[in-house]
């Protein structure tokens, strides 16, 4: 795993991330930004498999149009929105408060 290489120690990717990633998704939605938690994805044998179940479930809650899409297609759509977003100022301004 790339994060393990960078940190030089084992990392359990499923340990304690569900709640914080949900908060990131919610914050991005509230700020009318793409859902940044889509940047995390399952990687099996070097191939991207899409976002996890948690992302798709929450994304469908906030963006009901994703219910008509497969989890993979919803994830790819959100990645496209992230790439296309040119102004992340609302997120920076929010985080600067802390």
PDB file of N, CA and C in Angstrom:
ATOM      1  N   UNK A   1       0.844  -1.168   0.000  1.00  0.00           N
ATOM      2  CA  UNK A   1       0.000   0.000   0.000  1.00  0.00           C
ATOM      3  C   UNK A   1       0.896   1.240   0.000  1.00  0.00           C
ATOM      4  N   UNK A   2       0.524   2.225  -0.788  1.00  0.00           N
ATOM      5  CA  UNK A   2       1.321   3.441  -0.942  1.00  0.00           C
ATOM      6  C   UNK A   2       1.504   4.179   0.380  1.00  0.00           C
ATOM      7  N   UNK A   3       0.453   4.286   1.162  1.00  0.00           N
ATOM      8  CA  UNK A   3       0.550   4.986   2.442  1.00  0.00           C
ATOM      9  C   UNK A   3       1.526   4.280   3.378  1.00  0.00           C
ATOM     10  N   UNK A   4       1.525   2.966   3.380  1.00  0.00           N
ATOM     11  CA  UNK A   4       2.476   2.219   4.204  1.00  0.00           C
ATOM     12  C   UNK A   4       3.906   2.513   3.788  1.00  0.00           C
ATOM     13  N   UNK A   5       4.150   2.602   2.494  1.00  0.00           N
ATOM     14  CA  UNK A   5       5.491   2.927   2.004  1.00  0.00           C
ATOM     15  C   UNK A   5       5.913   4.308   2.477  1.00  0.00           C
ATOM     16  N   UNK A   6       5.013   5.270   2.364  1.00  0.00           N
ATOM     17  CA  UNK A   6       5.342   6.642   2.744  1.00  0.00           C
ATOM     18  C   UNK A   6       5.587   6.791   4.247  1.00  0.00           C
ATOM     19  N   UNK A   7       4.772   6.086   5.042  1.00  0.00           N
ATOM     20  CA  UNK A   7       4.908   6.187   6.497  1.00  0.00           C
ATOM     21  C   UNK A   7       5.959   5.256   7.077  1.00  0.00           C
ATOM     22  N   UNK A   8       6.287   4.209   6.325  1.00  0.00           N
ATOM     23  CA  UNK A   8       7.257   3.247   6.803  1.00  0.00           C
ATOM     24  C   UNK A   8       6.725   2.332   7.886  1.00  0.00           C
ATOM     25  N   UNK A   9       5.406   2.154   7.924  1.00  0.00           N
ATOM     26  CA  UNK A   9       4.786   1.271   8.910  1.00  0.00           C
ATOM     27  C   UNK A   9       3.470   0.747   8.345  1.00  0.00           C
ATOM     28  N   UNK A  10       2.980  -0.371   8.886  1.00  0.00           N
ATOM     29  CA  UNK A  10       1.700  -0.919   8.418  1.00  0.00           C
ATOM     30  C   UNK A  10       0.537   0.002   8.768  1.00  0.00           C
ATOM     31  N   UNK A  11      -0.447   0.044   7.888  1.00  0.00           N
ATOM     32  CA  UNK A  11      -1.633   0.865   8.097  1.00  0.00           C
ATOM     33  C   UNK A  11      -2.861   0.024   7.797  1.00  0.00           C
ATOM     34  N   UNK A  12      -3.794   0.001   8.722  1.00  0.00           N
ATOM     35  CA  UNK A  12      -5.062  -0.673   8.484  1.00  0.00           C
ATOM     36  C   UNK A  12      -5.998   0.354   7.866  1.00  0.00           C
ATOM     37  N   UNK A  13      -6.241   0.249   6.573  1.00  0.00           N
ATOM     38  CA  UNK A  13      -7.022   1.245   5.845  1.00  0.00           C
ATOM     39  C   UNK A  13      -8.469   1.325   6.292  1.00  0.00           C
ATOM     40  N   UNK A  14      -8.950   0.329   6.989  1.00  0.00           N
ATOM     41  CA  UNK A  14     -10.344   0.322   7.403  1.00  0.00           C
ATOM     42  C   UNK A  14     -10.534   0.756   8.857  1.00  0.00           C
ATOM     43  N   UNK A  15      -9.459   0.997   9.545  1.00  0.00           N
ATOM     44  CA  UNK A  15      -9.543   1.328  10.948  1.00  0.00           C
ATOM     45  C   UNK A  15      -9.920   2.794  11.146  1.00  0.00           C
ATOM     46  N   UNK A  16     -11.098   3.028  11.612  1.00  0.00           N
ATOM     47  CA  UNK A  16     -11.495   4.362  12.025  1.00  0.00           C
ATOM     48  C   UNK A  16     -11.659   5.399  10.941  1.00  0.00           C
ATOM     49  N   UNK A  17     -11.755   5.023   9.692  1.00  0.00           N
ATOM     50  CA  UNK A  17     -11.874   6.022   8.633  1.00  0.00           C
ATOM     51  C   UNK A  17     -13.314   6.320   8.241  1.00  0.00           C
ATOM     52  N   UNK A  18     -14.209   5.421   8.526  1.00  0.00           N
ATOM     53  CA  UNK A  18     -15.588   5.575   8.069  1.00  0.00           C
ATOM     54  C   UNK A  18     -16.204   6.894   8.546  1.00  0.00           C
ATOM     55  N   UNK A  19     -16.103   7.176   9.817  1.00  0.00           N
ATOM     56  CA  UNK A  19     -16.716   8.390  10.365  1.00  0.00           C
ATOM     57  C   UNK A  19     -16.036   9.662   9.838  1.00  0.00           C
ATOM     58  N   UNK A  20     -14.715   9.782   9.908  1.00  0.00           N
ATOM     59  CA  UNK A  20     -14.080  11.004   9.392  1.00  0.00           C
ATOM     60  C   UNK A  20     -14.332  11.227   7.901  1.00  0.00           C
ATOM     61  N   UNK A  21     -14.316  10.152   7.117  1.00  0.00           N
ATOM     62  CA  UNK A  21     -14.561  10.315   5.684  1.00  0.00           C
ATOM     63  C   UNK A  21     -16.003  10.739   5.416  1.00  0.00           C
ATOM     64  N   UNK A  22     -16.917  10.255   6.226  1.00  0.00           N
ATOM     65  CA  UNK A  22     -18.302  10.693   6.108  1.00  0.00           C
ATOM     66  C   UNK A  22     -18.442  12.173   6.402  1.00  0.00           C
ATOM     67  N   UNK A  23     -17.687  12.645   7.382  1.00  0.00           N
ATOM     68  CA  UNK A  23     -17.709  14.074   7.720  1.00  0.00           C
ATOM     69  C   UNK A  23     -17.121  14.912   6.588  1.00  0.00           C
ATOM     70  N   UNK A  24     -16.060  14.421   5.961  1.00  0.00           N
ATOM     71  CA  UNK A  24     -15.464  15.129   4.820  1.00  0.00           C
ATOM     72  C   UNK A  24     -16.481  15.215   3.682  1.00  0.00           C
ATOM     73  N   UNK A  25     -17.159  14.113   3.405  1.00  0.00           N
ATOM     74  CA  UNK A  25     -18.164  14.088   2.347  1.00  0.00           C
ATOM     75  C   UNK A  25     -19.277  15.092   2.667  1.00  0.00           C
ATOM     76  N   UNK A  26     -19.757  15.072   3.896  1.00  0.00           N
ATOM     77  CA  UNK A  26     -20.829  15.982   4.308  1.00  0.00           C
ATOM     78  C   UNK A  26     -20.393  17.440   4.202  1.00  0.00           C
ATOM     79  N   UNK A  27     -19.189  17.740   4.650  1.00  0.00           N
ATOM     80  CA  UNK A  27     -18.670  19.100   4.579  1.00  0.00           C
ATOM     81  C   UNK A  27     -18.572  19.571   3.133  1.00  0.00           C
ATOM     82  N   UNK A  28     -18.039  18.733   2.276  1.00  0.00           N
ATOM     83  CA  UNK A  28     -17.917  19.103   0.865  1.00  0.00           C
ATOM     84  C   UNK A  28     -19.295  19.369   0.261  1.00  0.00           C
ATOM     85  N   UNK A  29     -20.260  18.535   0.579  1.00  0.00           N
ATOM     86  CA  UNK A  29     -21.609  18.746   0.072  1.00  0.00           C
ATOM     87  C   UNK A  29     -22.157  20.084   0.571  1.00  0.00           C
ATOM     88  N   UNK A  30     -22.020  20.352   1.867  1.00  0.00           N
ATOM     89  CA  UNK A  30     -22.520  21.599   2.444  1.00  0.00           C
ATOM     90  C   UNK A  30     -21.872  22.822   1.805  1.00  0.00           C
ATOM     91  N   UNK A  31     -20.613  22.688   1.404  1.00  0.00           N
ATOM     92  CA  UNK A  31     -19.882  23.796   0.782  1.00  0.00           C
ATOM     93  C   UNK A  31     -20.069  23.834  -0.738  1.00  0.00           C
ATOM     94  N   UNK A  32     -20.916  22.931  -1.236  1.00  0.00           N
ATOM     95  CA  UNK A  32     -21.203  22.831  -2.681  1.00  0.00           C
ATOM     96  C   UNK A  32     -19.947  22.516  -3.490  1.00  0.00           C
ATOM     97  N   UNK A  33     -19.162  21.605  -2.950  1.00  0.00           N
ATOM     98  CA  UNK A  33     -17.944  21.154  -3.605  1.00  0.00           C
ATOM     99  C   UNK A  33     -18.079  19.675  -3.946  1.00  0.00           C
ATOM    100  N   UNK A  34     -17.247  19.185  -4.856  1.00  0.00           N
ATOM    101  CA  UNK A  34     -17.236  17.744  -5.117  1.00  0.00           C
ATOM    102  C   UNK A  34     -16.872  16.978  -3.843  1.00  0.00           C
ATOM    103  N   UNK A  35     -17.287  15.756  -3.784  1.00  0.00           N
ATOM    104  CA  UNK A  35     -17.102  14.930  -2.591  1.00  0.00           C
ATOM    105  C   UNK A  35     -15.688  14.349  -2.566  1.00  0.00           C
ATOM    106  N   UNK A  36     -14.805  15.017  -1.842  1.00  0.00           N
ATOM    107  CA  UNK A  36     -13.387  14.651  -1.820  1.00  0.00           C
ATOM    108  C   UNK A  36     -13.103  13.234  -1.346  1.00  0.00           C
ATOM    109  N   UNK A  37     -13.984  12.670  -0.570  1.00  0.00           N
ATOM    110  CA  UNK A  37     -13.728  11.315  -0.091  1.00  0.00           C
ATOM    111  C   UNK A  37     -13.698  10.302  -1.238  1.00  0.00           C
ATOM    112  N   UNK A  38     -14.127  10.707  -2.424  1.00  0.00           N
ATOM    113  CA  UNK A  38     -14.041   9.829  -3.598  1.00  0.00           C
ATOM    114  C   UNK A  38     -12.583   9.573  -3.991  1.00  0.00           C
ATOM    115  N   UNK A  39     -11.675  10.406  -3.510  1.00  0.00           N
ATOM    116  CA  UNK A  39     -10.262  10.217  -3.857  1.00  0.00           C
ATOM    117  C   UNK A  39      -9.684   8.947  -3.246  1.00  0.00           C
ATOM    118  N   UNK A  40     -10.332   8.425  -2.222  1.00  0.00           N
ATOM    119  CA  UNK A  40      -9.898   7.157  -1.640  1.00  0.00           C
ATOM    120  C   UNK A  40     -10.631   6.039  -2.356  1.00  0.00           C
ATOM    121  N   UNK A  41      -9.909   5.025  -2.726  1.00  0.00           N
ATOM    122  CA  UNK A  41     -10.520   3.957  -3.513  1.00  0.00           C
ATOM    123  C   UNK A  41      -9.920   2.621  -3.152  1.00  0.00           C
ATOM    124  N   UNK A  42     -10.646   1.582  -3.525  1.00  0.00           N
ATOM    125  CA  UNK A  42     -10.149   0.219  -3.340  1.00  0.00           C
ATOM    126  C   UNK A  42      -9.163  -0.070  -4.457  1.00  0.00           C
ATOM    127  N   UNK A  43      -8.080  -0.704  -4.113  1.00  0.00           N
ATOM    128  CA  UNK A  43      -7.060  -1.064  -5.096  1.00  0.00           C
ATOM    129  C   UNK A  43      -6.769  -2.550  -4.924  1.00  0.00           C
ATOM    130  N   UNK A  44      -7.146  -3.332  -5.911  1.00  0.00           N
ATOM    131  CA  UNK A  44      -6.940  -4.771  -5.855  1.00  0.00           C
ATOM    132  C   UNK A  44      -6.009  -5.176  -6.981  1.00  0.00           C
ATOM    133  N   UNK A  45      -4.885  -5.753  -6.613  1.00  0.00           N
ATOM    134  CA  UNK A  45      -3.899  -6.210  -7.585  1.00  0.00           C
ATOM    135  C   UNK A  45      -3.515  -5.108  -8.568  1.00  0.00           C
ATOM    136  N   UNK A  46      -3.330  -3.894  -8.022  1.00  0.00           N
ATOM    137  CA  UNK A  46      -2.886  -2.774  -8.840  1.00  0.00           C
ATOM    138  C   UNK A  46      -3.962  -2.157  -9.716  1.00  0.00           C
ATOM    139  N   UNK A  47      -5.210  -2.564  -9.551  1.00  0.00           N
ATOM    140  CA  UNK A  47      -6.298  -2.036 -10.370  1.00  0.00           C
ATOM    141  C   UNK A  47      -7.310  -1.329  -9.474  1.00  0.00           C
ATOM    142  N   UNK A  48      -7.650  -0.101  -9.840  1.00  0.00           N
ATOM    143  CA  UNK A  48      -8.652   0.649  -9.087  1.00  0.00           C
ATOM    144  C   UNK A  48     -10.007  -0.024  -9.232  1.00  0.00           C
ATOM    145  N   UNK A  49     -10.644  -0.250  -8.093  1.00  0.00           N
ATOM    146  CA  UNK A  49     -11.936  -0.930  -8.086  1.00  0.00           C
ATOM    147  C   UNK A  49     -13.092   0.015  -7.760  1.00  0.00           C
ATOM    148  N   UNK A  50     -12.825   1.278  -7.587  1.00  0.00           N
ATOM    149  CA  UNK A  50     -13.868   2.220  -7.210  1.00  0.00           C
ATOM    150  C   UNK A  50     -13.844   2.487  -5.723  1.00  0.00           C
ATOM    151  N   UNK A  51     -14.738   3.345  -5.304  1.00  0.00           N
ATOM    152  CA  UNK A  51     -14.820   3.691  -3.884  1.00  0.00           C
ATOM    153  C   UNK A  51     -15.510   2.574  -3.120  1.00  0.00           C
ATOM    154  N   UNK A  52     -15.363   2.601  -1.829  1.00  0.00           N
ATOM    155  CA  UNK A  52     -15.980   1.582  -0.988  1.00  0.00           C
ATOM    156  C   UNK A  52     -17.476   1.795  -0.827  1.00  0.00           C
ATOM    157  N   UNK A  53     -18.108   0.830  -0.197  1.00  0.00           N
ATOM    158  CA  UNK A  53     -19.554   0.884   0.025  1.00  0.00           C
ATOM    159  C   UNK A  53     -19.974   2.135   0.792  1.00  0.00           C
ATOM    160  N   UNK A  54     -19.170   2.520   1.757  1.00  0.00           N
ATOM    161  CA  UNK A  54     -19.510   3.691   2.563  1.00  0.00           C
ATOM    162  C   UNK A  54     -19.655   4.943   1.720  1.00  0.00           C
ATOM    163  N   UNK A  55     -18.739   5.137   0.763  1.00  0.00           N
ATOM    164  CA  UNK A  55     -18.817   6.310  -0.107  1.00  0.00           C
ATOM    165  C   UNK A  55     -20.117   6.297  -0.898  1.00  0.00           C
ATOM    166  N   UNK A  56     -20.410   5.190  -1.540  1.00  0.00           N
ATOM    167  CA  UNK A  56     -21.590   5.126  -2.406  1.00  0.00           C
ATOM    168  C   UNK A  56     -22.873   5.339  -1.606  1.00  0.00           C
ATOM    169  N   UNK A  57     -22.963   4.735  -0.438  1.00  0.00           N
ATOM    170  CA  UNK A  57     -24.158   4.884   0.392  1.00  0.00           C
ATOM    171  C   UNK A  57     -24.379   6.338   0.763  1.00  0.00           C
ATOM    172  N   UNK A  58     -23.329   7.003   1.248  1.00  0.00           N
ATOM    173  CA  UNK A  58     -23.467   8.412   1.627  1.00  0.00           C
ATOM    174  C   UNK A  58     -23.665   9.311   0.413  1.00  0.00           C
ATOM    175  N   UNK A  59     -22.941   9.032  -0.659  1.00  0.00           N
ATOM    176  CA  UNK A  59     -23.082   9.851  -1.861  1.00  0.00           C
ATOM    177  C   UNK A  59     -24.522   9.817  -2.364  1.00  0.00           C
ATOM    178  N   UNK A  60     -25.159   8.666  -2.292  1.00  0.00           N
ATOM    179  CA  UNK A  60     -26.561   8.545  -2.717  1.00  0.00           C
ATOM    180  C   UNK A  60     -27.497   9.336  -1.808  1.00  0.00           C
ATOM    181  N   UNK A  61     -27.147   9.433  -0.541  1.00  0.00           N
ATOM    182  CA  UNK A  61     -27.962  10.233   0.375  1.00  0.00           C
ATOM    183  C   UNK A  61     -27.902  11.710   0.008  1.00  0.00           C
ATOM    184  N   UNK A  62     -26.727  12.187  -0.332  1.00  0.00           N
ATOM    185  CA  UNK A  62     -26.544  13.600  -0.628  1.00  0.00           C
ATOM    186  C   UNK A  62     -26.815  13.941  -2.090  1.00  0.00           C
ATOM    187  N   UNK A  63     -26.601  13.001  -2.954  1.00  0.00           N
ATOM    188  CA  UNK A  63     -26.833  13.212  -4.390  1.00  0.00           C
ATOM    189  C   UNK A  63     -27.703  12.057  -4.901  1.00  0.00           C
ATOM    190  N   UNK A  64     -29.010  12.195  -4.746  1.00  0.00           N
ATOM    191  CA  UNK A  64     -29.918  11.097  -5.104  1.00  0.00           C
ATOM    192  C   UNK A  64     -29.784  10.608  -6.545  1.00  0.00           C
ATOM    193  N   UNK A  65     -29.272  11.429  -7.434  1.00  0.00           N
ATOM    194  CA  UNK A  65     -29.097  10.992  -8.822  1.00  0.00           C
ATOM    195  C   UNK A  65     -28.127   9.816  -8.933  1.00  0.00           C
ATOM    196  N   UNK A  66     -27.288   9.627  -7.938  1.00  0.00           N
ATOM    197  CA  UNK A  66     -26.344   8.508  -7.972  1.00  0.00           C
ATOM    198  C   UNK A  66     -27.039   7.165  -7.759  1.00  0.00           C
ATOM    199  N   UNK A  67     -28.249   7.182  -7.230  1.00  0.00           N
ATOM    200  CA  UNK A  67     -28.988   5.929  -7.037  1.00  0.00           C
ATOM    201  C   UNK A  67     -29.266   5.227  -8.361  1.00  0.00           C
ATOM    202  N   UNK A  68     -29.322   5.998  -9.430  1.00  0.00           N
ATOM    203  CA  UNK A  68     -29.569   5.440 -10.762  1.00  0.00           C
ATOM    204  C   UNK A  68     -28.279   4.999 -11.450  1.00  0.00           C
ATOM    205  N   UNK A  69     -27.163   5.097 -10.742  1.00  0.00           N
ATOM    206  CA  UNK A  69     -25.862   4.735 -11.293  1.00  0.00           C
ATOM    207  C   UNK A  69     -25.275   3.571 -10.507  1.00  0.00           C
ATOM    208  N   UNK A  70     -24.365   2.868 -11.122  1.00  0.00           N
ATOM    209  CA  UNK A  70     -23.635   1.846 -10.382  1.00  0.00           C
ATOM    210  C   UNK A  70     -22.683   2.553  -9.416  1.00  0.00           C
ATOM    211  N   UNK A  71     -22.243   1.881  -8.350  1.00  0.00           N
ATOM    212  CA  UNK A  71     -21.272   2.500  -7.453  1.00  0.00           C
ATOM    213  C   UNK A  71     -20.017   2.963  -8.200  1.00  0.00           C
ATOM    214  N   UNK A  72     -19.551   2.166  -9.158  1.00  0.00           N
ATOM    215  CA  UNK A  72     -18.359   2.530  -9.913  1.00  0.00           C
ATOM    216  C   UNK A  72     -18.599   3.788 -10.740  1.00  0.00           C
ATOM    217  N   UNK A  73     -19.740   3.879 -11.410  1.00  0.00           N
ATOM    218  CA  UNK A  73     -20.040   5.049 -12.238  1.00  0.00           C
ATOM    219  C   UNK A  73     -20.226   6.307 -11.395  1.00  0.00           C
ATOM    220  N   UNK A  74     -20.851   6.168 -10.237  1.00  0.00           N
ATOM    221  CA  UNK A  74     -21.016   7.316  -9.340  1.00  0.00           C
ATOM    222  C   UNK A  74     -19.642   7.807  -8.876  1.00  0.00           C
ATOM    223  N   UNK A  75     -18.769   6.880  -8.545  1.00  0.00           N
ATOM    224  CA  UNK A  75     -17.412   7.223  -8.123  1.00  0.00           C
ATOM    225  C   UNK A  75     -16.661   7.946  -9.240  1.00  0.00           C
ATOM    226  N   UNK A  76     -16.744   7.406 -10.461  1.00  0.00           N
ATOM    227  CA  UNK A  76     -16.056   8.033 -11.599  1.00  0.00           C
ATOM    228  C   UNK A  76     -16.617   9.434 -11.865  1.00  0.00           C
ATOM    229  N   UNK A  77     -17.921   9.601 -11.714  1.00  0.00           N
ATOM    230  CA  UNK A  77     -18.545  10.913 -11.896  1.00  0.00           C
ATOM    231  C   UNK A  77     -17.997  11.908 -10.879  1.00  0.00           C
ATOM    232  N   UNK A  78     -17.877  11.468  -9.642  1.00  0.00           N
ATOM    233  CA  UNK A  78     -17.386  12.367  -8.600  1.00  0.00           C
ATOM    234  C   UNK A  78     -15.916  12.710  -8.825  1.00  0.00           C
ATOM    235  N   UNK A  79     -15.133  11.752  -9.299  1.00  0.00           N
ATOM    236  CA  UNK A  79     -13.731  12.046  -9.630  1.00  0.00           C
ATOM    237  C   UNK A  79     -13.638  13.093 -10.730  1.00  0.00           C
ATOM    238  N   UNK A  80     -14.510  13.001 -11.720  1.00  0.00           N
ATOM    239  CA  UNK A  80     -14.530  13.993 -12.800  1.00  0.00           C
ATOM    240  C   UNK A  80     -14.872  15.376 -12.247  1.00  0.00           C
ATOM    241  N   UNK A  81     -15.804  15.435 -11.319  1.00  0.00           N
ATOM    242  CA  UNK A  81     -16.162  16.722 -10.708  1.00  0.00           C
ATOM    243  C   UNK A  81     -14.998  17.289  -9.896  1.00  0.00           C
ATOM    244  N   UNK A  82     -14.276  16.412  -9.205  1.00  0.00           N
ATOM    245  CA  UNK A  82     -13.107  16.861  -8.437  1.00  0.00           C
ATOM    246  C   UNK A  82     -12.066  17.463  -9.385  1.00  0.00           C
ATOM    247  N   UNK A  83     -11.785  16.771 -10.479  1.00  0.00           N
ATOM    248  CA  UNK A  83     -10.792  17.270 -11.444  1.00  0.00           C
ATOM    249  C   UNK A  83     -11.233  18.593 -12.072  1.00  0.00           C
ATOM    250  N   UNK A  84     -12.514  18.741 -12.303  1.00  0.00           N
ATOM    251  CA  UNK A  84     -13.025  19.936 -12.969  1.00  0.00           C
ATOM    252  C   UNK A  84     -13.141  21.138 -12.033  1.00  0.00           C
ATOM    253  N   UNK A  85     -13.167  20.913 -10.731  1.00  0.00           N
ATOM    254  CA  UNK A  85     -13.336  22.003  -9.779  1.00  0.00           C
ATOM    255  C   UNK A  85     -12.082  22.876  -9.748  1.00  0.00           C
ATOM    256  N   UNK A  86     -12.268  24.144 -10.018  1.00  0.00           N
ATOM    257  CA  UNK A  86     -11.137  25.075 -10.060  1.00  0.00           C
ATOM    258  C   UNK A  86     -11.053  25.965  -8.824  1.00  0.00           C
ATOM    259  N   UNK A  87     -12.064  25.925  -7.978  1.00  0.00           N
ATOM    260  CA  UNK A  87     -12.066  26.810  -6.811  1.00  0.00           C
ATOM    261  C   UNK A  87     -12.427  26.044  -5.543  1.00  0.00           C
ATOM    262  N   UNK A  88     -11.407  25.750  -4.770  1.00  0.00           N
ATOM    263  CA  UNK A  88     -11.582  25.058  -3.496  1.00  0.00           C
ATOM    264  C   UNK A  88     -11.538  26.043  -2.321  1.00  0.00           C
ATOM    265  N   UNK A  89     -11.676  27.326  -2.628  1.00  0.00           N
ATOM    266  CA  UNK A  89     -11.612  28.366  -1.605  1.00  0.00           C
ATOM    267  C   UNK A  89     -12.596  28.133  -0.461  1.00  0.00           C
ATOM    268  N   UNK A  90     -13.840  27.727  -0.730  1.00  0.00           N
ATOM    269  CA  UNK A  90     -14.755  27.514   0.403  1.00  0.00           C
ATOM    270  C   UNK A  90     -14.218  26.511   1.423  1.00  0.00           C
ATOM    271  N   UNK A  91     -13.583  25.461   0.956  1.00  0.00           N
ATOM    272  CA  UNK A  91     -13.016  24.470   1.871  1.00  0.00           C
ATOM    273  C   UNK A  91     -11.830  25.054   2.626  1.00  0.00           C
ATOM    274  N   UNK A  92     -10.966  25.763   1.924  1.00  0.00           N
ATOM    275  CA  UNK A  92      -9.816  26.381   2.581  1.00  0.00           C
ATOM    276  C   UNK A  92     -10.278  27.377   3.640  1.00  0.00           C
ATOM    277  N   UNK A  93     -11.259  28.202   3.302  1.00  0.00           N
ATOM    278  CA  UNK A  93     -11.761  29.178   4.251  1.00  0.00           C
ATOM    279  C   UNK A  93     -12.368  28.508   5.482  1.00  0.00           C
ATOM    280  N   UNK A  94     -13.078  27.423   5.266  1.00  0.00           N
ATOM    281  CA  UNK A  94     -13.663  26.694   6.389  1.00  0.00           C
ATOM    282  C   UNK A  94     -12.560  26.125   7.276  1.00  0.00           C
ATOM    283  N   UNK A  95     -11.567  25.496   6.678  1.00  0.00           N
ATOM    284  CA  UNK A  95     -10.499  24.865   7.444  1.00  0.00           C
ATOM    285  C   UNK A  95      -9.573  25.881   8.116  1.00  0.00           C
ATOM    286  N   UNK A  96      -9.465  27.075   7.552  1.00  0.00           N
ATOM    287  CA  UNK A  96      -8.642  28.119   8.158  1.00  0.00           C
ATOM    288  C   UNK A  96      -9.174  28.568   9.513  1.00  0.00           C
ATOM    289  N   UNK A  97     -10.434  28.266   9.797  1.00  0.00           N
ATOM    290  CA  UNK A  97     -11.028  28.664  11.085  1.00  0.00           C
ATOM    291  C   UNK A  97     -10.443  27.848  12.237  1.00  0.00           C
ATOM    292  N   UNK A  98      -9.816  26.725  11.918  1.00  0.00           N
ATOM    293  CA  UNK A  98      -9.335  25.825  12.968  1.00  0.00           C
ATOM    294  C   UNK A  98      -7.887  25.999  13.240  1.00  0.00           C
TER     295      UNK A  98
END
